[in-house]
Amino acid sequence: MFDEYLTLSLKLSSAMLKNGGETYRAEECARNILASGGATEIEVLALPTGLSVTAVHEGMVYTRVLSLKSRDNNLGNIDILNTISREVSAG
């Protein structure tokens, strides 16, 4: 179950970066989604070319690293992704 939160956090955060979103917002998105899944000790590092996420859930440490190959600027997509992130984080 927690793996779904981890996957979703990576997908949304990487999509933000690929569409020209700010790195701090991609980090915040991943952090909020993982916290809503019950994670503790969440560490997220977003760079223009990659994303690293580590979280502890029920004593297990989960880490995922993702390399981004392309970037674009699409504010419409960023708005949609922000809305999805807020909805998931709110429960």
PDB file of N, CA and C in Angstrom:
ATOM      1  N   MET A   1       0.821  -1.200   0.000  1.00  0.00           N
ATOM      2  CA  MET A   1       0.000   0.000   0.000  1.00  0.00           C
ATOM      3  C   MET A   1       0.863   1.261   0.000  1.00  0.00           C
ATOM      4  N   PHE A   2       1.881   1.327   0.867  1.00  0.00           N
ATOM      5  CA  PHE A   2       2.715   2.520   0.921  1.00  0.00           C
ATOM      6  C   PHE A   2       3.474   2.724  -0.388  1.00  0.00           C
ATOM      7  N   ASP A   3       3.795   1.641  -1.066  1.00  0.00           N
ATOM      8  CA  ASP A   3       4.495   1.734  -2.341  1.00  0.00           C
ATOM      9  C   ASP A   3       3.709   2.588  -3.347  1.00  0.00           C
ATOM     10  N   GLU A   4       2.378   2.549  -3.236  1.00  0.00           N
ATOM     11  CA  GLU A   4       1.541   3.372  -4.121  1.00  0.00           C
ATOM     12  C   GLU A   4       1.747   4.864  -3.840  1.00  0.00           C
ATOM     13  N   TYR A   5       1.881   5.220  -2.573  1.00  0.00           N
ATOM     14  CA  TYR A   5       2.156   6.614  -2.224  1.00  0.00           C
ATOM     15  C   TYR A   5       3.530   7.038  -2.738  1.00  0.00           C
ATOM     16  N   LEU A   6       4.493   6.146  -2.608  1.00  0.00           N
ATOM     17  CA  LEU A   6       5.846   6.432  -3.076  1.00  0.00           C
ATOM     18  C   LEU A   6       5.854   6.640  -4.594  1.00  0.00           C
ATOM     19  N   THR A   7       5.192   5.756  -5.304  1.00  0.00           N
ATOM     20  CA  THR A   7       5.100   5.871  -6.764  1.00  0.00           C
ATOM     21  C   THR A   7       4.385   7.151  -7.168  1.00  0.00           C
ATOM     22  N   LEU A   8       3.278   7.457  -6.506  1.00  0.00           N
ATOM     23  CA  LEU A   8       2.532   8.679  -6.829  1.00  0.00           C
ATOM     24  C   LEU A   8       3.356   9.926  -6.555  1.00  0.00           C
ATOM     25  N   SER A   9       4.080   9.930  -5.437  1.00  0.00           N
ATOM     26  CA  SER A   9       4.905  11.098  -5.116  1.00  0.00           C
ATOM     27  C   SER A   9       5.971  11.320  -6.179  1.00  0.00           C
ATOM     28  N   LEU A  10       6.574  10.248  -6.673  1.00  0.00           N
ATOM     29  CA  LEU A  10       7.578  10.375  -7.731  1.00  0.00           C
ATOM     30  C   LEU A  10       6.958  10.837  -9.044  1.00  0.00           C
ATOM     31  N   LYS A  11       5.821  10.282  -9.393  1.00  0.00           N
ATOM     32  CA  LYS A  11       5.176  10.654 -10.655  1.00  0.00           C
ATOM     33  C   LYS A  11       4.771  12.122 -10.672  1.00  0.00           C
ATOM     34  N   LEU A  12       4.113  12.570  -9.610  1.00  0.00           N
ATOM     35  CA  LEU A  12       3.663  13.963  -9.582  1.00  0.00           C
ATOM     36  C   LEU A  12       4.837  14.930  -9.498  1.00  0.00           C
ATOM     37  N   SER A  13       5.794  14.637  -8.650  1.00  0.00           N
ATOM     38  CA  SER A  13       6.941  15.530  -8.487  1.00  0.00           C
ATOM     39  C   SER A  13       7.785  15.601  -9.752  1.00  0.00           C
ATOM     40  N   SER A  14       8.018  14.460 -10.377  1.00  0.00           N
ATOM     41  CA  SER A  14       8.804  14.475 -11.613  1.00  0.00           C
ATOM     42  C   SER A  14       8.042  15.169 -12.738  1.00  0.00           C
ATOM     43  N   ALA A  15       6.725  15.009 -12.773  1.00  0.00           N
ATOM     44  CA  ALA A  15       5.929  15.706 -13.783  1.00  0.00           C
ATOM     45  C   ALA A  15       6.002  17.214 -13.581  1.00  0.00           C
ATOM     46  N   MET A  16       6.016  17.649 -12.330  1.00  0.00           N
ATOM     47  CA  MET A  16       6.172  19.081 -12.055  1.00  0.00           C
ATOM     48  C   MET A  16       7.490  19.601 -12.615  1.00  0.00           C
ATOM     49  N   LEU A  17       8.561  18.860 -12.336  1.00  0.00           N
ATOM     50  CA  LEU A  17       9.875  19.273 -12.827  1.00  0.00           C
ATOM     51  C   LEU A  17       9.932  19.256 -14.350  1.00  0.00           C
ATOM     52  N   LYS A  18       9.375  18.211 -14.973  1.00  0.00           N
ATOM     53  CA  LYS A  18       9.394  18.101 -16.428  1.00  0.00           C
ATOM     54  C   LYS A  18       8.617  19.230 -17.103  1.00  0.00           C
ATOM     55  N   ASN A  19       7.632  19.776 -16.394  1.00  0.00           N
ATOM     56  CA  ASN A  19       6.813  20.852 -16.958  1.00  0.00           C
ATOM     57  C   ASN A  19       7.277  22.239 -16.528  1.00  0.00           C
ATOM     58  N   GLY A  20       8.466  22.316 -15.936  1.00  0.00           N
ATOM     59  CA  GLY A  20       9.043  23.607 -15.592  1.00  0.00           C
ATOM     60  C   GLY A  20       8.741  24.092 -14.191  1.00  0.00           C
ATOM     61  N   GLY A  21       8.227  23.231 -13.336  1.00  0.00           N
ATOM     62  CA  GLY A  21       7.916  23.620 -11.960  1.00  0.00           C
ATOM     63  C   GLY A  21       9.171  23.859 -11.135  1.00  0.00           C
ATOM     64  N   GLU A  22       9.010  24.604 -10.076  1.00  0.00           N
ATOM     65  CA  GLU A  22      10.120  24.899  -9.168  1.00  0.00           C
ATOM     66  C   GLU A  22      10.507  23.644  -8.375  1.00  0.00           C
ATOM     67  N   THR A  23      11.799  23.517  -8.093  1.00  0.00           N
ATOM     68  CA  THR A  23      12.272  22.343  -7.355  1.00  0.00           C
ATOM     69  C   THR A  23      11.679  22.282  -5.947  1.00  0.00           C
ATOM     70  N   TYR A  24      11.535  23.436  -5.294  1.00  0.00           N
ATOM     71  CA  TYR A  24      10.973  23.424  -3.930  1.00  0.00           C
ATOM     72  C   TYR A  24       9.542  22.912  -3.937  1.00  0.00           C
ATOM     73  N   ARG A  25       8.788  23.214  -4.995  1.00  0.00           N
ATOM     74  CA  ARG A  25       7.393  22.762  -5.078  1.00  0.00           C
ATOM     75  C   ARG A  25       7.329  21.254  -5.326  1.00  0.00           C
ATOM     76  N   ALA A  26       8.235  20.733  -6.145  1.00  0.00           N
ATOM     77  CA  ALA A  26       8.294  19.288  -6.377  1.00  0.00           C
ATOM     78  C   ALA A  26       8.633  18.559  -5.075  1.00  0.00           C
ATOM     79  N   GLU A  27       9.558  19.135  -4.298  1.00  0.00           N
ATOM     80  CA  GLU A  27       9.913  18.533  -3.008  1.00  0.00           C
ATOM     81  C   GLU A  27       8.734  18.566  -2.044  1.00  0.00           C
ATOM     82  N   GLU A  28       8.069  19.697  -1.983  1.00  0.00           N
ATOM     83  CA  GLU A  28       6.904  19.850  -1.100  1.00  0.00           C
ATOM     84  C   GLU A  28       5.794  18.871  -1.481  1.00  0.00           C
ATOM     85  N   CYS A  29       5.571  18.708  -2.772  1.00  0.00           N
ATOM     86  CA  CYS A  29       4.552  17.774  -3.271  1.00  0.00           C
ATOM     87  C   CYS A  29       4.850  16.355  -2.797  1.00  0.00           C
ATOM     88  N   ALA A  30       6.077  15.899  -3.009  1.00  0.00           N
ATOM     89  CA  ALA A  30       6.457  14.539  -2.600  1.00  0.00           C
ATOM     90  C   ALA A  30       6.338  14.377  -1.097  1.00  0.00           C
ATOM     91  N   ARG A  31       6.814  15.370  -0.351  1.00  0.00           N
ATOM     92  CA  ARG A  31       6.762  15.317   1.116  1.00  0.00           C
ATOM     93  C   ARG A  31       5.324  15.192   1.612  1.00  0.00           C
ATOM     94  N   ASN A  32       4.436  15.995   1.066  1.00  0.00           N
ATOM     95  CA  ASN A  32       3.031  15.982   1.497  1.00  0.00           C
ATOM     96  C   ASN A  32       2.344  14.661   1.176  1.00  0.00           C
ATOM     97  N   ILE A  33       2.597  14.125   0.003  1.00  0.00           N
ATOM     98  CA  ILE A  33       1.972  12.852  -0.377  1.00  0.00           C
ATOM     99  C   ILE A  33       2.479  11.723   0.512  1.00  0.00           C
ATOM    100  N   LEU A  34       3.785  11.682   0.742  1.00  0.00           N
ATOM    101  CA  LEU A  34       4.349  10.627   1.591  1.00  0.00           C
ATOM    102  C   LEU A  34       3.855  10.731   3.030  1.00  0.00           C
ATOM    103  N   ALA A  35       3.748  11.956   3.531  1.00  0.00           N
ATOM    104  CA  ALA A  35       3.224  12.151   4.892  1.00  0.00           C
ATOM    105  C   ALA A  35       1.778  11.687   4.982  1.00  0.00           C
ATOM    106  N   SER A  36       0.985  11.946   3.946  1.00  0.00           N
ATOM    107  CA  SER A  36      -0.418  11.512   3.972  1.00  0.00           C
ATOM    108  C   SER A  36      -0.529   9.991   3.915  1.00  0.00           C
ATOM    109  N   GLY A  37       0.531   9.324   3.437  1.00  0.00           N
ATOM    110  CA  GLY A  37       0.567   7.861   3.438  1.00  0.00           C
ATOM    111  C   GLY A  37       1.116   7.272   4.722  1.00  0.00           C
ATOM    112  N   GLY A  38       1.446   8.146   5.696  1.00  0.00           N
ATOM    113  CA  GLY A  38       1.905   7.672   6.985  1.00  0.00           C
ATOM    114  C   GLY A  38       3.422   7.596   7.144  1.00  0.00           C
ATOM    115  N   ALA A  39       4.157   8.164   6.218  1.00  0.00           N
ATOM    116  CA  ALA A  39       5.621   8.114   6.289  1.00  0.00           C
ATOM    117  C   ALA A  39       6.153   9.067   7.346  1.00  0.00           C
ATOM    118  N   THR A  40       7.299   8.701   7.891  1.00  0.00           N
ATOM    119  CA  THR A  40       8.036   9.567   8.809  1.00  0.00           C
ATOM    120  C   THR A  40       9.442   9.725   8.236  1.00  0.00           C
ATOM    121  N   GLU A  41      10.216  10.624   8.792  1.00  0.00           N
ATOM    122  CA  GLU A  41      11.595  10.834   8.356  1.00  0.00           C
ATOM    123  C   GLU A  41      11.687  10.920   6.831  1.00  0.00           C
ATOM    124  N   ILE A  42      11.005  11.871   6.274  1.00  0.00           N
ATOM    125  CA  ILE A  42      10.939  12.045   4.821  1.00  0.00           C
ATOM    126  C   ILE A  42      12.049  12.980   4.363  1.00  0.00           C
ATOM    127  N   GLU A  43      12.816  12.541   3.372  1.00  0.00           N
ATOM    128  CA  GLU A  43      13.869  13.354   2.762  1.00  0.00           C
ATOM    129  C   GLU A  43      13.652  13.368   1.255  1.00  0.00           C
ATOM    130  N   VAL A  44      13.579  14.559   0.696  1.00  0.00           N
ATOM    131  CA  VAL A  44      13.368  14.697  -0.740  1.00  0.00           C
ATOM    132  C   VAL A  44      14.381  15.694  -1.283  1.00  0.00           C
ATOM    133  N   LEU A  45      15.015  15.346  -2.399  1.00  0.00           N
ATOM    134  CA  LEU A  45      15.924  16.246  -3.087  1.00  0.00           C
ATOM    135  C   LEU A  45      15.506  16.313  -4.544  1.00  0.00           C
ATOM    136  N   ALA A  46      15.071  17.486  -4.956  1.00  0.00           N
ATOM    137  CA  ALA A  46      14.677  17.694  -6.348  1.00  0.00           C
ATOM    138  C   ALA A  46      15.701  18.597  -7.019  1.00  0.00           C
ATOM    139  N   LEU A  47      16.153  18.163  -8.167  1.00  0.00           N
ATOM    140  CA  LEU A  47      17.068  18.927  -9.006  1.00  0.00           C
ATOM    141  C   LEU A  47      16.433  19.040 -10.390  1.00  0.00           C
ATOM    142  N   PRO A  48      16.859  19.982 -11.194  1.00  0.00           N
ATOM    143  CA  PRO A  48      16.261  20.079 -12.537  1.00  0.00           C
ATOM    144  C   PRO A  48      16.388  18.796 -13.362  1.00  0.00           C
ATOM    145  N   THR A  49      17.380  17.967 -13.056  1.00  0.00           N
ATOM    146  CA  THR A  49      17.584  16.745 -13.840  1.00  0.00           C
ATOM    147  C   THR A  49      17.320  15.453 -13.071  1.00  0.00           C
ATOM    148  N   GLY A  50      16.778  15.547 -11.866  1.00  0.00           N
ATOM    149  CA  GLY A  50      16.536  14.319 -11.121  1.00  0.00           C
ATOM    150  C   GLY A  50      15.809  14.532  -9.817  1.00  0.00           C
ATOM    151  N   LEU A  51      15.422  13.416  -9.214  1.00  0.00           N
ATOM    152  CA  LEU A  51      14.630  13.438  -7.991  1.00  0.00           C
ATOM    153  C   LEU A  51      15.036  12.243  -7.130  1.00  0.00           C
ATOM    154  N   SER A  52      15.254  12.507  -5.837  1.00  0.00           N
ATOM    155  CA  SER A  52      15.570  11.450  -4.882  1.00  0.00           C
ATOM    156  C   SER A  52      14.598  11.560  -3.707  1.00  0.00           C
ATOM    157  N   VAL A  53      13.984  10.426  -3.350  1.00  0.00           N
ATOM    158  CA  VAL A  53      13.003  10.401  -2.266  1.00  0.00           C
ATOM    159  C   VAL A  53      13.346   9.247  -1.325  1.00  0.00           C
ATOM    160  N   THR A  54      13.410   9.553  -0.031  1.00  0.00           N
ATOM    161  CA  THR A  54      13.609   8.532   0.996  1.00  0.00           C
ATOM    162  C   THR A  54      12.592   8.781   2.100  1.00  0.00           C
ATOM    163  N   ALA A  55      11.954   7.706   2.565  1.00  0.00           N
ATOM    164  CA  ALA A  55      10.972   7.827   3.641  1.00  0.00           C
ATOM    165  C   ALA A  55      10.957   6.552   4.464  1.00  0.00           C
ATOM    166  N   VAL A  56      10.604   6.708   5.730  1.00  0.00           N
ATOM    167  CA  VAL A  56      10.444   5.562   6.622  1.00  0.00           C
ATOM    168  C   VAL A  56       8.954   5.366   6.849  1.00  0.00           C
ATOM    169  N   HIS A  57       8.499   4.121   6.649  1.00  0.00           N
ATOM    170  CA  HIS A  57       7.094   3.777   6.883  1.00  0.00           C
ATOM    171  C   HIS A  57       7.055   2.449   7.625  1.00  0.00           C
ATOM    172  N   GLU A  58       6.481   2.485   8.813  1.00  0.00           N
ATOM    173  CA  GLU A  58       6.363   1.297   9.663  1.00  0.00           C
ATOM    174  C   GLU A  58       7.706   0.586   9.825  1.00  0.00           C
ATOM    175  N   GLY A  59       8.759   1.373  10.051  1.00  0.00           N
ATOM    176  CA  GLY A  59      10.074   0.812  10.309  1.00  0.00           C
ATOM    177  C   GLY A  59      10.882   0.425   9.084  1.00  0.00           C
ATOM    178  N   MET A  60      10.281   0.475   7.911  1.00  0.00           N
ATOM    179  CA  MET A  60      10.975   0.138   6.664  1.00  0.00           C
ATOM    180  C   MET A  60      11.425   1.420   5.968  1.00  0.00           C
ATOM    181  N   VAL A  61      12.640   1.389   5.427  1.00  0.00           N
ATOM    182  CA  VAL A  61      13.169   2.539   4.707  1.00  0.00           C
ATOM    183  C   VAL A  61      12.968   2.307   3.207  1.00  0.00           C
ATOM    184  N   TYR A  62      12.363   3.295   2.559  1.00  0.00           N
ATOM    185  CA  TYR A  62      12.106   3.243   1.126  1.00  0.00           C
ATOM    186  C   TYR A  62      12.884   4.374   0.452  1.00  0.00           C
ATOM    187  N   THR A  63      13.602   4.053  -0.615  1.00  0.00           N
ATOM    188  CA  THR A  63      14.337   5.069  -1.369  1.00  0.00           C
ATOM    189  C   THR A  63      14.108   4.843  -2.857  1.00  0.00           C
ATOM    190  N   ARG A  64      13.861   5.931  -3.549  1.00  0.00           N
ATOM    191  CA  ARG A  64      13.720   5.892  -5.009  1.00  0.00           C
ATOM    192  C   ARG A  64      14.487   7.081  -5.588  1.00  0.00           C
ATOM    193  N   VAL A  65      15.153   6.853  -6.704  1.00  0.00           N
ATOM    194  CA  VAL A  65      15.877   7.901  -7.418  1.00  0.00           C
ATOM    195  C   VAL A  65      15.412   7.862  -8.867  1.00  0.00           C
ATOM    196  N   LEU A  66      15.184   9.037  -9.419  1.00  0.00           N
ATOM    197  CA  LEU A  66      14.662   9.131 -10.774  1.00  0.00           C
ATOM    198  C   LEU A  66      15.439  10.187 -11.551  1.00  0.00           C
ATOM    199  N   SER A  67      15.893   9.829 -12.734  1.00  0.00           N
ATOM    200  CA  SER A  67      16.589  10.768 -13.611  1.00  0.00           C
ATOM    201  C   SER A  67      15.601  11.323 -14.628  1.00  0.00           C
ATOM    202  N   LEU A  68      15.645  12.634 -14.829  1.00  0.00           N
ATOM    203  CA  LEU A  68      14.741  13.280 -15.783  1.00  0.00           C
ATOM    204  C   LEU A  68      15.498  13.581 -17.063  1.00  0.00           C
ATOM    205  N   LYS A  69      14.953  13.148 -18.185  1.00  0.00           N
ATOM    206  CA  LYS A  69      15.634  13.303 -19.464  1.00  0.00           C
ATOM    207  C   LYS A  69      15.241  14.573 -20.216  1.00  0.00           C
ATOM    208  N   SER A  70      14.033  15.064 -19.971  1.00  0.00           N
ATOM    209  CA  SER A  70      13.578  16.231 -20.732  1.00  0.00           C
ATOM    210  C   SER A  70      12.813  17.184 -19.829  1.00  0.00           C
ATOM    211  N   ARG A  71      12.788  18.460 -20.252  1.00  0.00           N
ATOM    212  CA  ARG A  71      12.058  19.501 -19.513  1.00  0.00           C
ATOM    213  C   ARG A  71      11.355  20.393 -20.516  1.00  0.00           C
ATOM    214  N   ASP A  72      10.266  20.987 -20.053  1.00  0.00           N
ATOM    215  CA  ASP A  72       9.476  21.892 -20.876  1.00  0.00           C
ATOM    216  C   ASP A  72       8.878  22.937 -19.935  1.00  0.00           C
ATOM    217  N   ASN A  73       8.188  23.906 -20.460  1.00  0.00           N
ATOM    218  CA  ASN A  73       7.464  24.878 -19.641  1.00  0.00           C
ATOM    219  C   ASN A  73       5.996  24.826 -20.009  1.00  0.00           C
ATOM    220  N   ASN A  74       5.189  24.302 -19.089  1.00  0.00           N
ATOM    221  CA  ASN A  74       3.761  24.203 -19.330  1.00  0.00           C
ATOM    222  C   ASN A  74       3.035  24.526 -18.024  1.00  0.00           C
ATOM    223  N   LEU A  75       2.666  25.788 -17.862  1.00  0.00           N
ATOM    224  CA  LEU A  75       2.029  26.229 -16.621  1.00  0.00           C
ATOM    225  C   LEU A  75       0.648  25.611 -16.416  1.00  0.00           C
ATOM    226  N   GLY A  76      -0.033  25.281 -17.504  1.00  0.00           N
ATOM    227  CA  GLY A  76      -1.330  24.613 -17.391  1.00  0.00           C
ATOM    228  C   GLY A  76      -1.195  23.266 -16.702  1.00  0.00           C
ATOM    229  N   ASN A  77      -0.184  22.514 -17.102  1.00  0.00           N
ATOM    230  CA  ASN A  77       0.055  21.216 -16.463  1.00  0.00           C
ATOM    231  C   ASN A  77       0.474  21.381 -15.006  1.00  0.00           C
ATOM    232  N   ILE A  78       1.281  22.402 -14.716  1.00  0.00           N
ATOM    233  CA  ILE A  78       1.703  22.657 -13.335  1.00  0.00           C
ATOM    234  C   ILE A  78       0.479  22.912 -12.456  1.00  0.00           C
ATOM    235  N   ASP A  79      -0.473  23.688 -12.960  1.00  0.00           N
ATOM    236  CA  ASP A  79      -1.697  23.976 -12.201  1.00  0.00           C
ATOM    237  C   ASP A  79      -2.474  22.697 -11.911  1.00  0.00           C
ATOM    238  N   ILE A  80      -2.613  21.847 -12.902  1.00  0.00           N
ATOM    239  CA  ILE A  80      -3.317  20.575 -12.732  1.00  0.00           C
ATOM    240  C   ILE A  80      -2.592  19.699 -11.695  1.00  0.00           C
ATOM    241  N   LEU A  81      -1.273  19.608 -11.801  1.00  0.00           N
ATOM    242  CA  LEU A  81      -0.485  18.800 -10.871  1.00  0.00           C
ATOM    243  C   LEU A  81      -0.576  19.335  -9.446  1.00  0.00           C
ATOM    244  N   ASN A  82      -0.566  20.657  -9.284  1.00  0.00           N
ATOM    245  CA  ASN A  82      -0.723  21.247  -7.949  1.00  0.00           C
ATOM    246  C   ASN A  82      -2.073  20.887  -7.347  1.00  0.00           C
ATOM    247  N   THR A  83      -3.118  20.914  -8.152  1.00  0.00           N
ATOM    248  CA  THR A  83      -4.456  20.561  -7.682  1.00  0.00           C
ATOM    249  C   THR A  83      -4.506  19.102  -7.234  1.00  0.00           C
ATOM    250  N   ILE A  84      -3.931  18.216  -8.034  1.00  0.00           N
ATOM    251  CA  ILE A  84      -3.913  16.793  -7.679  1.00  0.00           C
ATOM    252  C   ILE A  84      -3.135  16.586  -6.381  1.00  0.00           C
ATOM    253  N   SER A  85      -1.987  17.237  -6.277  1.00  0.00           N
ATOM    254  CA  SER A  85      -1.164  17.107  -5.067  1.00  0.00           C
ATOM    255  C   SER A  85      -1.931  17.544  -3.824  1.00  0.00           C
ATOM    256  N   ARG A  86      -2.632  18.665  -3.913  1.00  0.00           N
ATOM    257  CA  ARG A  86      -3.409  19.156  -2.762  1.00  0.00           C
ATOM    258  C   ARG A  86      -4.532  18.190  -2.396  1.00  0.00           C
ATOM    259  N   GLU A  87      -5.201  17.632  -3.404  1.00  0.00           N
ATOM    260  CA  GLU A  87      -6.302  16.704  -3.143  1.00  0.00           C
ATOM    261  C   GLU A  87      -5.807  15.423  -2.479  1.00  0.00           C
ATOM    262  N   VAL A  88      -4.695  14.892  -2.957  1.00  0.00           N
ATOM    263  CA  VAL A  88      -4.136  13.675  -2.363  1.00  0.00           C
ATOM    264  C   VAL A  88      -3.688  13.946  -0.929  1.00  0.00           C
ATOM    265  N   SER A  89      -3.031  15.075  -0.720  1.00  0.00           N
ATOM    266  CA  SER A  89      -2.535  15.421   0.616  1.00  0.00           C
ATOM    267  C   SER A  89      -3.665  15.649   1.611  1.00  0.00           C
ATOM    268  N   ALA A  90      -4.798  16.159   1.118  1.00  0.00           N
ATOM    269  CA  ALA A  90      -5.942  16.423   1.988  1.00  0.00           C
ATOM    270  C   ALA A  90      -6.679  15.136   2.357  1.00  0.00           C
ATOM    271  N   GLY A  91      -6.420  14.088   1.605  1.00  0.00           N
ATOM    272  CA  GLY A  91      -7.057  12.812   1.909  1.00  0.00           C
ATOM    273  C   GLY A  91      -8.209  12.588   1.030  1.00  0.00           C
TER     274      GLY A  91
END
